[in-house]
């Protein structure tokens, strides 16, 4: 395998009828740039499915594919890739992928770019280099990451994107009848009330179903604790992202007192960020997001979690399916894996864009086979991909 000679970036935008997480709630609107500001947590969400894909080519013509977050201001991330990172990546060898990550991260460390768009940009390249590396060796990606510990990756259902509580309960009943046993609700769209929704779902699904609640960084720690105490009778498996991402003290304080286990981590880009929380025993479940962390940091984060006895429940979000494939390969090697999030309203749409045998059935993911990611852009991908010079 030869060295990197070319990098191309693409913004992948797939229209959708219903905005991510569900229909617009009371007082919500789409702004002039096509974003919803969710009243539930004051955060921007797109009205389309959008991510950034990269193709990295080596001098011998080999190609590797990567992907990262692109739901907001995708051109900012593409500019960082093309203007800042690509000149330093050209001529590097895919086998040096972890050192490449450290070098690219170091370029902007002293300027305060230790997360956000800068690390998202590195993530796309990191996944592509791991893909190239595995393909050069003719093996699926997981073989380059570690020992495969499970044939399939167990999952849990995430999101009930109906407009009303009645509709969400009906959707949950339907999935339950199909054999699904673990459900996470997104409280940013729980317009009838979080407690009311949890109570209705527990009644509808019975005592055996697992229930999780994503609080979307919504509360100060004391309010999150009060809510956890009110929800405890409903036997939740965890509450996710209860406080603002920067409130490390609050997260640790809550975790030490909450009657419901605390989960967090989708917004932690690196092991540096994860360590600050894990050292404080701030979570029982850690939720690394491959679209933010990339394979290199996903592995490092999970090494810390394993050392601390914390279970891993990888996050899944909007994307074209490439970083999800990477997440599944990595998850199959984790000794401390609990389950991997399955965003059903995103996953099926991603599969339509790829050439892959990745699948979800019987409450678990089937890993893509073949060398590298085992997933490549298919014909439909190119209908939605805009090259960015």
Protein backbone atom coordinates (compact mmCIF):
# COMPACT_ATOMS: atom_id res chain seq x y z
CA UNK A 1 0.00 0.00 0.00
CA UNK A 2 1.32 3.41 -0.94
CA UNK A 3 0.90 6.84 0.59
CA UNK A 4 -2.00 9.28 0.48
CA UNK A 5 -2.08 11.32 -2.71
CA UNK A 6 -5.60 12.78 -2.88
CA UNK A 7 -8.58 13.65 -0.64
CA UNK A 8 -12.10 14.51 -1.80
CA UNK A 9 -14.95 15.81 0.36
CA UNK A 10 -18.69 15.49 -0.22
CA UNK A 11 -21.73 16.92 1.57
CA UNK A 12 -24.44 14.25 1.55
CA UNK A 13 -27.96 15.68 1.92
CA UNK A 14 -31.06 13.47 1.90
CA UNK A 15 -34.46 15.18 2.24
CA UNK A 16 -36.94 13.85 4.77
CA UNK A 17 -40.66 14.50 5.30
CA UNK A 18 -40.53 14.64 9.09
CA UNK A 19 -37.66 16.44 10.85
CA UNK A 20 -35.22 14.38 12.88
CA UNK A 21 -36.63 13.39 16.30
CA UNK A 22 -40.21 14.08 15.21
CA UNK A 23 -42.67 16.68 13.91
CA UNK A 24 -42.42 20.30 14.99
CA UNK A 25 -43.67 20.88 18.51
CA UNK A 26 -45.66 23.82 19.89
CA UNK A 27 -43.93 27.11 19.09
CA UNK A 28 -41.26 25.49 16.90
CA UNK A 29 -40.49 26.57 13.35
CA UNK A 30 -37.92 26.06 10.63
CA UNK A 31 -35.62 29.09 10.41
CA UNK A 32 -34.33 30.78 7.27
CA UNK A 33 -31.37 28.40 6.95
CA UNK A 34 -33.42 25.23 7.26
CA UNK A 35 -32.88 24.42 10.94
CA UNK A 36 -35.31 23.71 13.75
CA UNK A 37 -34.46 25.21 17.13
CA UNK A 38 -35.95 22.58 19.42
CA UNK A 39 -37.72 24.25 22.33
CA UNK A 40 -37.02 21.22 24.50
CA UNK A 41 -33.28 21.90 24.71
CA UNK A 42 -32.57 25.02 22.66
CA UNK A 43 -30.45 23.14 20.15
CA UNK A 44 -30.34 23.31 16.35
CA UNK A 45 -31.40 20.30 14.31
CA UNK A 46 -31.59 20.05 10.51
CA UNK A 47 -34.76 19.30 8.58
CA UNK A 48 -32.77 16.98 6.29
CA UNK A 49 -30.41 14.06 6.85
CA UNK A 50 -26.93 15.41 6.20
CA UNK A 51 -23.33 14.31 6.75
CA UNK A 52 -19.86 14.69 5.25
CA UNK A 53 -18.12 11.87 3.40
CA UNK A 54 -14.49 11.77 2.31
CA UNK A 55 -12.66 9.63 -0.21
CA UNK A 56 -8.94 9.23 0.44
CA UNK A 57 -6.88 7.87 -2.44
CA UNK A 58 -3.30 6.58 -2.35
CA UNK A 59 -0.69 6.79 -5.11
CA UNK A 60 -1.44 3.24 -6.23
CA UNK A 61 -5.15 4.07 -6.72
CA UNK A 62 -6.49 2.44 -3.54
CA UNK A 63 -9.50 4.19 -2.00
CA UNK A 64 -10.73 4.50 1.57
CA UNK A 65 -14.01 6.06 2.68
CA UNK A 66 -14.75 8.01 5.83
CA UNK A 67 -17.61 10.05 7.19
CA UNK A 68 -18.30 12.57 9.94
CA UNK A 69 -20.98 14.86 11.31
CA UNK A 70 -22.33 17.40 8.87
CA UNK A 71 -25.77 18.18 10.22
CA UNK A 72 -24.92 21.84 10.89
CA UNK A 73 -22.75 24.18 8.77
CA UNK A 74 -21.14 21.31 6.83
CA UNK A 75 -19.00 23.62 4.73
CA UNK A 76 -17.14 24.69 7.86
CA UNK A 77 -15.95 21.12 8.42
CA UNK A 78 -15.15 20.63 4.73
CA UNK A 79 -13.04 23.81 4.75
CA UNK A 80 -11.06 22.54 7.74
CA UNK A 81 -10.44 19.26 5.93
CA UNK A 82 -9.45 20.80 2.61
CA UNK A 83 -7.58 23.90 3.76
CA UNK A 84 -5.98 22.79 7.02
CA UNK A 85 -5.70 19.00 7.19
CA UNK A 86 -5.27 17.70 3.65
CA UNK A 87 -1.89 19.42 3.06
CA UNK A 88 -0.59 17.65 6.17
CA UNK A 89 -2.14 14.31 5.21
CA UNK A 90 -0.74 14.08 1.68
CA UNK A 91 2.24 11.74 1.70
CA UNK A 92 1.29 10.00 4.95
CA UNK A 93 0.89 6.21 5.17
CA UNK A 94 -2.44 4.64 6.24
CA UNK A 95 -0.62 2.21 8.54
CA UNK A 96 0.37 5.24 10.63
CA UNK A 97 -3.28 6.21 11.19
CA UNK A 98 -3.08 6.66 14.97
CA UNK A 99 0.01 8.85 14.74
CA UNK A 100 -1.68 10.79 11.95
CA UNK A 101 -4.61 11.47 14.29
CA UNK A 102 -2.27 12.78 16.97
CA UNK A 103 -0.42 14.97 14.48
CA UNK A 104 -3.57 16.47 12.94
CA UNK A 105 -5.08 17.11 16.37
CA UNK A 106 -1.88 18.77 17.51
CA UNK A 107 -2.03 21.30 14.69
CA UNK A 108 -4.77 23.29 16.44
CA UNK A 109 -4.45 22.27 20.10
CA UNK A 110 -2.87 25.54 21.20
CA UNK A 111 -5.61 27.47 19.41
CA UNK A 112 -8.27 25.79 21.53
CA UNK A 113 -9.64 23.49 18.81
CA UNK A 114 -9.94 20.34 20.91
CA UNK A 115 -13.41 19.35 19.72
CA UNK A 116 -16.21 20.54 17.44
CA UNK A 117 -15.74 21.02 13.72
CA UNK A 118 -11.96 20.54 13.91
CA UNK A 119 -12.11 17.06 15.43
CA UNK A 120 -15.09 16.12 13.26
CA UNK A 121 -12.84 16.88 10.29
CA UNK A 122 -10.10 14.62 11.62
CA UNK A 123 -12.69 11.90 12.23
CA UNK A 124 -13.65 11.65 8.56
CA UNK A 125 -10.01 11.19 7.56
CA UNK A 126 -9.33 8.78 10.43
CA UNK A 127 -12.11 6.40 9.36
CA UNK A 128 -10.96 6.56 5.74
CA UNK A 129 -7.37 5.68 6.71
CA UNK A 130 -8.54 2.73 8.82
CA UNK A 131 -10.66 1.60 5.86
CA UNK A 132 -7.65 1.87 3.53
CA UNK A 133 -5.46 0.00 5.99
CA UNK A 134 -7.88 -2.92 6.38
CA UNK A 135 -8.57 -3.12 2.65
CA UNK A 136 -4.84 -3.24 1.91
CA UNK A 137 -4.56 -6.25 4.21
CA UNK A 138 -7.67 -7.83 2.67
CA UNK A 139 -9.52 -8.12 5.98
CA UNK A 140 -12.68 -6.66 7.53
CA UNK A 141 -12.05 -3.61 9.66
CA UNK A 142 -12.64 -5.33 12.99
CA UNK A 143 -9.56 -7.50 12.44
CA UNK A 144 -7.39 -4.37 12.44
CA UNK A 145 -9.06 -3.14 15.63
CA UNK A 146 -9.03 -6.18 17.90
CA UNK A 147 -10.47 -9.58 18.71
CA UNK A 148 -14.06 -10.11 17.60
CA UNK A 149 -16.05 -10.95 20.72
CA UNK A 150 -19.52 -11.40 19.26
CA UNK A 151 -21.05 -12.49 15.98
CA UNK A 152 -23.70 -9.76 16.03
CA UNK A 153 -23.89 -6.42 17.84
CA UNK A 154 -26.97 -6.20 20.08
CA UNK A 155 -29.05 -3.06 19.68
CA UNK A 156 -31.82 -1.03 21.25
CA UNK A 157 -34.54 1.00 19.57
CA UNK A 158 -34.08 4.76 19.73
CA UNK A 159 -36.77 7.32 19.00
CA UNK A 160 -40.53 7.26 18.54
CA UNK A 161 -40.99 10.10 16.02
CA UNK A 162 -44.75 10.59 16.19
CA UNK A 163 -46.49 13.91 16.75
CA UNK A 164 -48.42 12.97 19.91
CA UNK A 165 -47.97 10.85 23.01
CA UNK A 166 -50.76 8.61 21.78
CA UNK A 167 -48.93 8.15 18.50
CA UNK A 168 -45.62 7.40 20.23
CA UNK A 169 -47.22 4.80 22.46
CA UNK A 170 -48.86 3.18 19.44
CA UNK A 171 -45.51 3.11 17.63
CA UNK A 172 -43.85 1.54 20.67
CA UNK A 173 -46.56 -1.12 20.89
CA UNK A 174 -46.02 -1.98 17.24
CA UNK A 175 -42.26 -2.37 17.67
CA UNK A 176 -42.81 -4.38 20.85
CA UNK A 177 -45.13 -6.75 18.98
CA UNK A 178 -42.31 -7.26 16.47
CA UNK A 179 -40.02 -8.46 19.28
CA UNK A 180 -38.16 -5.31 20.31
CA UNK A 181 -37.43 -5.22 24.03
CA UNK A 182 -35.50 -1.97 24.69
CA UNK A 183 -36.75 1.54 23.94
CA UNK A 184 -35.24 5.01 24.33
CA UNK A 185 -37.35 8.13 24.11
CA UNK A 186 -36.10 11.56 23.05
CA UNK A 187 -37.55 13.96 25.60
CA UNK A 188 -36.79 17.00 23.50
CA UNK A 189 -40.09 16.13 21.75
CA UNK A 190 -41.99 14.92 24.84
CA UNK A 191 -44.37 17.86 24.61
CA UNK A 192 -47.02 16.24 26.83
CA UNK A 193 -44.47 15.78 29.63
CA UNK A 194 -41.55 13.45 30.33
CA UNK A 195 -43.11 11.69 33.30
CA UNK A 196 -46.37 11.28 31.45
CA UNK A 197 -44.60 9.68 28.49
CA UNK A 198 -42.53 7.31 30.61
CA UNK A 199 -45.61 6.25 32.59
CA UNK A 200 -47.61 5.63 29.42
CA UNK A 201 -44.83 3.59 27.83
CA UNK A 202 -44.27 1.50 30.94
CA UNK A 203 -47.96 0.70 31.09
CA UNK A 204 -48.08 -0.10 27.37
CA UNK A 205 -44.92 -2.22 27.22
CA UNK A 206 -45.14 -4.05 30.53
CA UNK A 207 -42.58 -4.72 33.21
CA UNK A 208 -40.01 -6.62 31.11
CA UNK A 209 -39.22 -4.00 28.48
CA UNK A 210 -36.15 -1.85 29.05
CA UNK A 211 -36.82 1.90 29.00
CA UNK A 212 -34.23 4.67 28.63
CA UNK A 213 -34.73 8.45 28.57
CA UNK A 214 -32.54 10.87 26.59
CA UNK A 215 -32.71 14.23 28.38
CA UNK A 216 -30.64 16.08 25.76
CA UNK A 217 -28.56 18.16 28.23
CA UNK A 218 -31.76 19.83 29.37
CA UNK A 219 -31.44 20.28 33.16
CA UNK A 220 -29.28 21.72 35.91
CA UNK A 221 -28.04 18.88 38.10
CA UNK A 222 -30.51 19.40 41.01
CA UNK A 223 -33.47 19.40 38.61
CA UNK A 224 -32.12 16.30 36.88
CA UNK A 225 -31.88 14.54 40.24
CA UNK A 226 -35.45 15.51 41.16
CA UNK A 227 -36.65 14.16 37.81
CA UNK A 228 -34.65 10.93 38.23
CA UNK A 229 -36.26 10.41 41.63
CA UNK A 230 -39.72 10.87 40.13
CA UNK A 231 -38.91 8.47 37.29
CA UNK A 232 -37.30 5.80 39.49
CA UNK A 233 -40.57 3.90 40.07
CA UNK A 234 -40.74 3.23 36.33
CA UNK A 235 -37.46 1.26 36.51
CA UNK A 236 -35.48 3.06 33.82
CA UNK A 237 -32.30 1.41 32.56
CA UNK A 238 -30.61 4.80 32.33
CA UNK A 239 -31.11 8.53 31.91
CA UNK A 240 -28.94 9.95 29.13
CA UNK A 241 -27.24 13.36 28.85
CA UNK A 242 -29.04 14.87 31.85
CA UNK A 243 -26.91 18.03 32.23
CA UNK A 244 -25.05 20.40 29.93
CA UNK A 245 -21.94 18.81 28.34
CA UNK A 246 -19.54 21.24 30.03
CA UNK A 247 -20.96 20.63 33.53
CA UNK A 248 -18.52 17.94 34.66
CA UNK A 249 -19.07 18.68 38.34
CA UNK A 250 -22.83 18.50 37.90
CA UNK A 251 -22.66 15.20 36.05
CA UNK A 252 -20.48 13.63 38.74
CA UNK A 253 -22.68 15.04 41.50
CA UNK A 254 -25.79 13.63 39.84
CA UNK A 255 -24.25 10.21 39.15
CA UNK A 256 -23.37 9.82 42.83
CA UNK A 257 -26.99 10.49 43.90
CA UNK A 258 -29.30 9.40 41.10
CA UNK A 259 -31.49 6.33 41.72
CA UNK A 260 -31.33 5.76 37.94
CA UNK A 261 -27.98 4.98 36.23
CA UNK A 262 -26.53 7.87 34.23
CA UNK A 263 -25.33 7.60 30.62
CA UNK A 264 -23.47 10.21 28.57
CA UNK A 265 -20.70 10.69 26.05
CA UNK A 266 -22.01 11.23 22.52
CA UNK A 267 -20.55 14.75 22.52
CA UNK A 268 -17.12 13.73 23.87
CA UNK A 269 -14.72 13.78 20.95
CA UNK A 270 -11.59 12.39 22.56
CA UNK A 271 -10.20 10.27 25.35
CA UNK A 272 -9.02 13.52 26.93
CA UNK A 273 -12.63 14.59 27.42
CA UNK A 274 -13.80 11.13 28.48
CA UNK A 275 -11.09 10.81 31.11
CA UNK A 276 -12.23 13.97 32.88
CA UNK A 277 -15.64 12.34 33.43
CA UNK A 278 -14.52 8.76 33.99
CA UNK A 279 -12.04 9.83 36.64
CA UNK A 280 -15.00 11.36 38.50
CA UNK A 281 -17.12 8.19 38.10
CA UNK A 282 -19.68 10.38 36.37
CA UNK A 283 -21.37 7.68 34.25
CA UNK A 284 -22.42 4.04 34.41
CA UNK A 285 -22.78 3.85 30.63
CA UNK A 286 -20.54 5.66 28.16
CA UNK A 287 -21.87 6.48 24.69
CA UNK A 288 -19.08 7.25 22.23
CA UNK A 289 -20.24 8.48 18.82
CA UNK A 290 -18.11 7.23 15.93
CA UNK A 291 -19.12 10.25 13.84
CA UNK A 292 -17.36 12.50 16.37
CA UNK A 293 -14.58 10.30 17.73
CA UNK A 294 -13.44 8.29 14.73
CA UNK A 295 -11.94 4.85 15.20
CA UNK A 296 -8.74 6.00 16.90
CA UNK A 297 -10.48 7.91 19.69
CA UNK A 298 -13.37 5.43 19.91
CA UNK A 299 -10.80 2.78 20.80
CA UNK A 300 -9.00 5.00 23.29
CA UNK A 301 -12.23 6.08 24.97
CA UNK A 302 -13.34 2.49 25.35
CA UNK A 303 -10.00 1.43 26.77
CA UNK A 304 -10.56 3.97 29.56
CA UNK A 305 -14.14 2.78 30.06
CA UNK A 306 -13.04 -0.85 30.28
CA UNK A 307 -10.37 0.02 32.84
CA UNK A 308 -13.00 1.81 34.92
CA UNK A 309 -15.61 -0.92 34.70
CA UNK A 310 -18.02 1.28 32.72
CA UNK A 311 -20.26 -0.35 30.11
CA UNK A 312 -20.34 0.99 26.57
CA UNK A 313 -23.54 1.82 24.68
CA UNK A 314 -22.35 3.43 21.44
CA UNK A 315 -24.36 6.32 20.07
CA UNK A 316 -25.84 6.40 16.55
CA UNK A 317 -27.02 9.46 14.69
CA UNK A 318 -27.77 10.98 11.29
CA UNK A 319 -25.36 9.79 8.62
CA UNK A 320 -24.97 8.00 5.32
CA UNK A 321 -24.04 4.75 7.07
CA UNK A 322 -20.25 4.83 6.69
CA UNK A 323 -19.38 5.87 10.23
CA UNK A 324 -22.09 3.54 11.52
CA UNK A 325 -20.32 0.65 9.76
CA UNK A 326 -17.10 1.68 11.48
CA UNK A 327 -18.92 1.82 14.84
CA UNK A 328 -20.25 -1.70 14.41
CA UNK A 329 -16.81 -3.11 13.54
CA UNK A 330 -15.31 -1.46 16.61
CA UNK A 331 -18.23 -2.45 18.85
CA UNK A 332 -17.85 -6.11 17.92
CA UNK A 333 -14.44 -6.06 19.63
CA UNK A 334 -15.52 -4.42 22.91
CA UNK A 335 -15.54 -6.63 26.03
CA UNK A 336 -17.68 -4.07 27.86
CA UNK A 337 -20.37 -3.56 25.21
CA UNK A 338 -23.94 -3.34 26.46
CA UNK A 339 -25.95 -2.51 23.32
CA UNK A 340 -25.57 -0.21 20.33
CA UNK A 341 -28.17 2.43 19.57
CA UNK A 342 -30.43 1.70 16.57
CA UNK A 343 -31.96 4.87 15.13
CA UNK A 344 -34.52 3.10 12.98
CA UNK A 345 -35.68 6.30 11.27
CA UNK A 346 -32.13 6.92 10.01
CA UNK A 347 -30.71 3.43 9.49
CA UNK A 348 -33.02 2.25 6.72
CA UNK A 349 -32.42 5.48 4.79
CA UNK A 350 -28.66 5.04 5.10
CA UNK A 351 -28.77 1.54 3.69
CA UNK A 352 -30.35 2.86 0.52
CA UNK A 353 -27.19 4.90 -0.16
CA UNK A 354 -24.65 2.10 0.24
CA UNK A 355 -23.39 -1.09 -1.28
CA UNK A 356 -23.27 -3.24 1.84
CA UNK A 357 -24.77 -6.27 3.55
CA UNK A 358 -25.02 -4.45 6.88
CA UNK A 359 -28.44 -5.11 8.42
CA UNK A 360 -30.53 -4.95 11.57
CA UNK A 361 -32.77 -7.87 12.56
CA UNK A 362 -33.72 -9.80 15.69
CA UNK A 363 -32.66 -6.88 17.93
CA UNK A 364 -29.09 -6.86 16.64
CA UNK A 365 -26.87 -5.50 13.90
CA UNK A 366 -25.25 -7.72 11.31
CA UNK A 367 -21.75 -6.45 10.60
CA UNK A 368 -20.92 -5.60 7.01
CA UNK A 369 -18.64 -8.21 5.49
CA UNK A 370 -15.83 -7.82 3.00
CA UNK A 371 -12.58 -5.90 3.42
CA UNK A 372 -12.39 -2.59 5.25
CA UNK A 373 -15.69 -1.03 6.25
CA UNK A 374 -17.61 -3.50 4.11
CA UNK A 375 -19.64 -0.52 2.92
CA UNK A 376 -19.19 1.72 -0.10
CA UNK A 377 -21.29 4.48 -1.67
CA UNK A 378 -23.82 2.98 -4.04
CA UNK A 379 -25.53 4.54 -7.05
CA UNK A 380 -28.11 6.44 -4.97
CA UNK A 381 -25.39 8.02 -2.84
CA UNK A 382 -24.26 10.06 -5.82
CA UNK A 383 -27.76 11.51 -6.24
CA UNK A 384 -27.30 13.28 -2.90
CA UNK A 385 -23.55 13.93 -2.72
CA UNK A 386 -22.20 17.39 -3.51
CA UNK A 387 -18.41 17.61 -4.00
CA UNK A 388 -16.73 20.42 -2.07
CA UNK A 389 -13.43 21.72 -3.43
